[in-house]
Amino acid sequence: MRLALLVSYDGTPYRGWTDLRDVALRPTLARVLGCPESDLQPGQQPSLPLLEAASRTDAGVHAAGQVCTLSLDDAVPPDRRSRLDTARLAYSLNALLPPEVCVRCAALVADGFDVRSNVGKQYTYRLSTASTRDPLRRLHE
């Protein structure tokens, strides 16, 4: 069983998708999903859920709808998988994620769903041609 997340983010403080994934999403997912820590040895870190995205981004790039997936087989104990409420999961993630990251929705997808080939991509580039800067857009110019 796999879970897909539709994520929006302001990438200003991140060095691309990999940084955002490892700094914000994976630790928050581990906390919300309650990844098993009972088998850990003293000083050992819990394993974080592996996330795959439709594509990588460069430093400072924003996303209105980046799709990423993870296997629930690795991240959620078997007894909790059938009771997973995706709307509640998205709500819980958003309560803990930094303000520049938002999970717009979460959905269960088939095991064979490949985020790199099953999701279309659209890129939008915005360039300012104004002769003066706009202080209200200073973080995004």
C-alpha atoms as a PDB file:
ATOM      1  CA  MET A   1       0.000   0.000   0.000  1.00  0.00           C
ATOM      2  CA  ARG A   2       1.323   3.452  -0.929  1.00  0.00           C
ATOM      3  CA  LEU A   3       0.443   6.958   0.167  1.00  0.00           C
ATOM      4  CA  ALA A   4       0.585   9.991  -2.138  1.00  0.00           C
ATOM      5  CA  LEU A   5       0.922  13.530  -0.794  1.00  0.00           C
ATOM      6  CA  LEU A   6       0.232  16.711  -2.751  1.00  0.00           C
ATOM      7  CA  VAL A   7       2.648  19.234  -1.252  1.00  0.00           C
ATOM      8  CA  SER A   8       2.937  22.994  -1.744  1.00  0.00           C
ATOM      9  CA  TYR A   9       5.907  24.940  -0.479  1.00  0.00           C
ATOM     10  CA  ASP A  10       7.863  28.160  -0.552  1.00  0.00           C
ATOM     11  CA  GLY A  11      11.339  26.853  -1.305  1.00  0.00           C
ATOM     12  CA  THR A  12      13.192  30.020  -0.256  1.00  0.00           C
ATOM     13  CA  PRO A  13      14.826  28.490   2.847  1.00  0.00           C
ATOM     14  CA  TYR A  14      15.615  25.130   1.207  1.00  0.00           C
ATOM     15  CA  ARG A  15      18.376  23.884  -1.089  1.00  0.00           C
ATOM     16  CA  GLY A  16      15.907  22.010  -3.271  1.00  0.00           C
ATOM     17  CA  TRP A  17      13.514  19.078  -2.937  1.00  0.00           C
ATOM     18  CA  THR A  18      16.038  16.816  -1.200  1.00  0.00           C
ATOM     19  CA  ASP A  19      16.645  19.368   1.553  1.00  0.00           C
ATOM     20  CA  LEU A  20      12.925  20.034   2.053  1.00  0.00           C
ATOM     21  CA  ARG A  21      12.228  16.292   2.131  1.00  0.00           C
ATOM     22  CA  ASP A  22      14.947  15.497   4.668  1.00  0.00           C
ATOM     23  CA  VAL A  23      14.584  18.581   6.882  1.00  0.00           C
ATOM     24  CA  ALA A  24      10.802  19.026   6.983  1.00  0.00           C
ATOM     25  CA  LEU A  25       8.766  16.173   5.502  1.00  0.00           C
ATOM     26  CA  ARG A  26      10.476  12.934   6.543  1.00  0.00           C
ATOM     27  CA  PRO A  27      10.883  13.773  10.255  1.00  0.00           C
ATOM     28  CA  THR A  28       7.309  15.071  10.451  1.00  0.00           C
ATOM     29  CA  LEU A  29       5.945  11.981   8.703  1.00  0.00           C
ATOM     30  CA  ALA A  30       7.861   9.723  11.084  1.00  0.00           C
ATOM     31  CA  ARG A  31       6.387  11.574  14.049  1.00  0.00           C
ATOM     32  CA  VAL A  32       2.790  11.556  12.757  1.00  0.00           C
ATOM     33  CA  LEU A  33       2.854   7.972  11.503  1.00  0.00           C
ATOM     34  CA  GLY A  34       4.437   6.744  14.720  1.00  0.00           C
ATOM     35  CA  CYS A  35       7.214   4.823  12.984  1.00  0.00           C
ATOM     36  CA  PRO A  36       8.219   1.883  15.163  1.00  0.00           C
ATOM     37  CA  GLU A  37      11.039   2.668  17.533  1.00  0.00           C
ATOM     38  CA  SER A  38      10.709  -0.347  19.827  1.00  0.00           C
ATOM     39  CA  ASP A  39      13.551  -2.252  18.153  1.00  0.00           C
ATOM     40  CA  LEU A  40      16.059   0.600  18.423  1.00  0.00           C
ATOM     41  CA  GLN A  41      19.308   0.132  20.254  1.00  0.00           C
ATOM     42  CA  PRO A  42      20.475   2.939  22.596  1.00  0.00           C
ATOM     43  CA  GLY A  43      21.733   5.870  20.517  1.00  0.00           C
ATOM     44  CA  GLN A  44      20.262   4.513  17.267  1.00  0.00           C
ATOM     45  CA  GLN A  45      18.098   6.897  15.230  1.00  0.00           C
ATOM     46  CA  PRO A  46      14.630   5.823  14.010  1.00  0.00           C
ATOM     47  CA  SER A  47      14.380   5.099  10.299  1.00  0.00           C
ATOM     48  CA  LEU A  48      12.549   7.834   8.439  1.00  0.00           C
ATOM     49  CA  PRO A  49       9.973   7.093   5.725  1.00  0.00           C
ATOM     50  CA  LEU A  50      11.423   7.065   2.206  1.00  0.00           C
ATOM     51  CA  LEU A  51       9.755   9.650  -0.031  1.00  0.00           C
ATOM     52  CA  GLU A  52       9.876   9.693  -3.824  1.00  0.00           C
ATOM     53  CA  ALA A  53       8.866  12.840  -5.711  1.00  0.00           C
ATOM     54  CA  ALA A  54       7.674  13.467  -9.253  1.00  0.00           C
ATOM     55  CA  SER A  55      10.860  15.486  -9.814  1.00  0.00           C
ATOM     56  CA  ARG A  56      13.635  17.282  -7.994  1.00  0.00           C
ATOM     57  CA  THR A  57      13.822  21.047  -7.620  1.00  0.00           C
ATOM     58  CA  ASP A  58      16.703  23.477  -7.360  1.00  0.00           C
ATOM     59  CA  ALA A  59      17.478  25.691  -4.389  1.00  0.00           C
ATOM     60  CA  GLY A  60      14.829  28.317  -3.713  1.00  0.00           C
ATOM     61  CA  VAL A  61      12.249  26.822  -6.094  1.00  0.00           C
ATOM     62  CA  HIS A  62       8.604  26.858  -4.987  1.00  0.00           C
ATOM     63  CA  ALA A  63       5.921  24.282  -5.727  1.00  0.00           C
ATOM     64  CA  ALA A  64       2.158  24.655  -5.956  1.00  0.00           C
ATOM     65  CA  GLY A  65       1.606  20.912  -6.166  1.00  0.00           C
ATOM     66  CA  GLN A  66       4.590  18.571  -5.884  1.00  0.00           C
ATOM     67  CA  VAL A  67       3.428  14.951  -5.681  1.00  0.00           C
ATOM     68  CA  CYS A  68       5.413  12.558  -3.530  1.00  0.00           C
ATOM     69  CA  THR A  69       4.781   8.996  -2.416  1.00  0.00           C
ATOM     70  CA  LEU A  70       5.902   6.583   0.257  1.00  0.00           C
ATOM     71  CA  SER A  71       5.320   2.932   0.980  1.00  0.00           C
ATOM     72  CA  LEU A  72       3.112   2.409   4.001  1.00  0.00           C
ATOM     73  CA  ASP A  73       4.541  -1.093   4.335  1.00  0.00           C
ATOM     74  CA  ASP A  74       7.780   0.461   5.586  1.00  0.00           C
ATOM     75  CA  ALA A  75       6.308   3.377   7.518  1.00  0.00           C
ATOM     76  CA  VAL A  76       3.167   2.196   9.306  1.00  0.00           C
ATOM     77  CA  PRO A  77       2.750  -0.828  11.568  1.00  0.00           C
ATOM     78  CA  PRO A  78       0.463  -3.457   9.935  1.00  0.00           C
ATOM     79  CA  ASP A  79      -2.284  -3.121  12.533  1.00  0.00           C
ATOM     80  CA  ARG A  80      -2.636   0.632  11.803  1.00  0.00           C
ATOM     81  CA  ARG A  81      -2.687   0.552   7.971  1.00  0.00           C
ATOM     82  CA  SER A  82      -6.366  -0.374   7.589  1.00  0.00           C
ATOM     83  CA  ARG A  83      -7.397   2.453   9.930  1.00  0.00           C
ATOM     84  CA  LEU A  84      -5.401   5.206   8.202  1.00  0.00           C
ATOM     85  CA  ASP A  85      -7.505   8.354   7.734  1.00  0.00           C
ATOM     86  CA  THR A  86      -5.800  10.371   4.966  1.00  0.00           C
ATOM     87  CA  ALA A  87      -7.644  13.635   5.723  1.00  0.00           C
ATOM     88  CA  ARG A  88      -6.631  13.413   9.364  1.00  0.00           C
ATOM     89  CA  LEU A  89      -3.076  12.557   8.348  1.00  0.00           C
ATOM     90  CA  ALA A  90      -2.838  15.697   6.159  1.00  0.00           C
ATOM     91  CA  TYR A  91      -4.290  17.784   8.999  1.00  0.00           C
ATOM     92  CA  SER A  92      -1.765  16.383  11.492  1.00  0.00           C
ATOM     93  CA  LEU A  93       1.167  16.907   9.140  1.00  0.00           C
ATOM     94  CA  ASN A  94       0.163  20.527   8.538  1.00  0.00           C
ATOM     95  CA  ALA A  95      -0.065  21.151  12.281  1.00  0.00           C
ATOM     96  CA  LEU A  96       3.608  20.161  12.649  1.00  0.00           C
ATOM     97  CA  LEU A  97       5.215  21.237   9.359  1.00  0.00           C
ATOM     98  CA  PRO A  98       6.966  24.622   9.110  1.00  0.00           C
ATOM     99  CA  PRO A  99       4.750  27.449   7.788  1.00  0.00           C
ATOM    100  CA  GLU A 100       6.358  27.400   4.339  1.00  0.00           C
ATOM    101  CA  VAL A 101       5.256  23.784   3.711  1.00  0.00           C
ATOM    102  CA  CYS A 102       1.699  22.485   3.344  1.00  0.00           C
ATOM    103  CA  VAL A 103       0.236  19.071   2.527  1.00  0.00           C
ATOM    104  CA  ARG A 104      -2.770  19.966   0.366  1.00  0.00           C
ATOM    105  CA  CYS A 105      -4.122  16.416   0.399  1.00  0.00           C
ATOM    106  CA  ALA A 106      -3.170  12.804   1.010  1.00  0.00           C
ATOM    107  CA  ALA A 107      -4.524   9.732  -0.772  1.00  0.00           C
ATOM    108  CA  LEU A 108      -3.933   6.000  -0.862  1.00  0.00           C
ATOM    109  CA  VAL A 109      -2.646   4.824  -4.258  1.00  0.00           C
ATOM    110  CA  ALA A 110      -1.981   1.416  -5.790  1.00  0.00           C
ATOM    111  CA  ASP A 111       1.309  -0.345  -5.040  1.00  0.00           C
ATOM    112  CA  GLY A 112       2.277   0.006  -8.702  1.00  0.00           C
ATOM    113  CA  PHE A 113       1.807   3.793  -8.737  1.00  0.00           C
ATOM    114  CA  ASP A 114       5.074   5.394  -9.882  1.00  0.00           C
ATOM    115  CA  VAL A 115       5.129   9.101  -9.089  1.00  0.00           C
ATOM    116  CA  ARG A 116       7.827   9.772 -11.706  1.00  0.00           C
ATOM    117  CA  SER A 117       5.849   8.329 -14.621  1.00  0.00           C
ATOM    118  CA  ASN A 118       2.199   8.620 -13.501  1.00  0.00           C
ATOM    119  CA  VAL A 119       2.174  12.356 -12.792  1.00  0.00           C
ATOM    120  CA  GLY A 120       2.330  15.136 -15.379  1.00  0.00           C
ATOM    121  CA  LYS A 121       4.494  18.187 -14.767  1.00  0.00           C
ATOM    122  CA  GLN A 122       3.953  21.856 -15.492  1.00  0.00           C
ATOM    123  CA  TYR A 123       6.553  24.539 -14.906  1.00  0.00           C
ATOM    124  CA  THR A 124       5.877  28.275 -14.632  1.00  0.00           C
ATOM    125  CA  TYR A 125       8.655  30.844 -14.663  1.00  0.00           C
ATOM    126  CA  ARG A 126       7.952  34.379 -13.441  1.00  0.00           C
ATOM    127  CA  LEU A 127      10.359  37.204 -14.203  1.00  0.00           C
ATOM    128  CA  SER A 128       9.910  40.819 -13.219  1.00  0.00           C
ATOM    129  CA  THR A 129      10.557  43.451 -15.881  1.00  0.00           C
ATOM    130  CA  ALA A 130       9.665  46.377 -13.611  1.00  0.00           C
ATOM    131  CA  SER A 131      12.162  49.215 -13.358  1.00  0.00           C
ATOM    132  CA  THR A 132      11.801  49.221  -9.558  1.00  0.00           C
ATOM    133  CA  ARG A 133      11.494  46.433  -7.041  1.00  0.00           C
ATOM    134  CA  ASP A 134       8.218  45.565  -5.337  1.00  0.00           C
ATOM    135  CA  PRO A 135       8.767  45.148  -1.578  1.00  0.00           C
ATOM    136  CA  LEU A 136       5.692  42.922  -1.339  1.00  0.00           C
ATOM    137  CA  ARG A 137       7.326  40.413  -3.692  1.00  0.00           C
ATOM    138  CA  ARG A 138      10.874  40.679  -2.364  1.00  0.00           C
ATOM    139  CA  LEU A 139      11.072  37.043  -1.320  1.00  0.00           C
ATOM    140  CA  HIS A 140       9.955  35.796  -4.719  1.00  0.00           C
ATOM    141  CA  GLU A 141      11.828  37.939  -7.255  1.00  0.00           C
END
